[in-house]
């Protein structure tokens, strides 16, 4: 996809990876719509790249159509949608509340589906556009302590793969970015710091550059770092060995039985 002059909506772009993707798209010539919930942070990013702010809470389905309307009102169309907004949660599954689960599913899975549903028809009508999903290596591999987060990202992968088949020949591309550990406030916000030796955190600018390149090349997916693709392949080609290694070297988080008292 040629990015010069395209209108690009990047969700969750007021900070973290989303802000880096917004800046990279602007550098490539796109007109970027910076989405977030915090007006001050969103305006800060938008001001630096001559972008436009779109505000709204993606965890509230009633606001998703409004976010789409705000985006379409800027120039009458959206050429590129980057579904980046997401949230993590780390710890034993049994310690999650219903509210924790609802929020993760709403933001990481339901919101990208609904926002894509709102913006895809106008792309199909114009026979041009691109929808990008920021997934996670956690959705392709096994990580103890992130079961619900992994489920949302695996669901996002399944949705994107199926949508790609539906859009063949329409002029609309669908891509998925599969990053591992990114050096952003994500881990502080999920409630547990990243404390593993590998994979090492990579700069958000590096991932953003890979995402933009993927969109420009109309590629189906990218992994960052690329060597992690081998882990995903091993999961399917040698599942027994993979499960043994995952149990040995994965996060040492286990669910505990309920207190009998």
Foldseek 3Di string as FASTA:
>chain_A
DQLAAAEEEQAPCLFDLNLLLQQVSLVSHHAYEQEDADPVSSCVSCVVSVHHYQYDDQLDLVCLLVSLVVSCVPPNAHAEYELEDAAFAFAAPVPDDPVNLSSRLRNLAVSLVSNCVNHVVVCLVVLAHEYEYEAEVLLLAPAHGGVSNNVSRVNVVVVQVVVQVVCVPSRYFYAYEYEYAAPTCRQVRNPHHDDDPPPDHDYSNVSSVVRVVCVVVSHHYAYVVRVCVVLSVCCPPPVVVSVVVCVVPHDPHDDDDDDPD
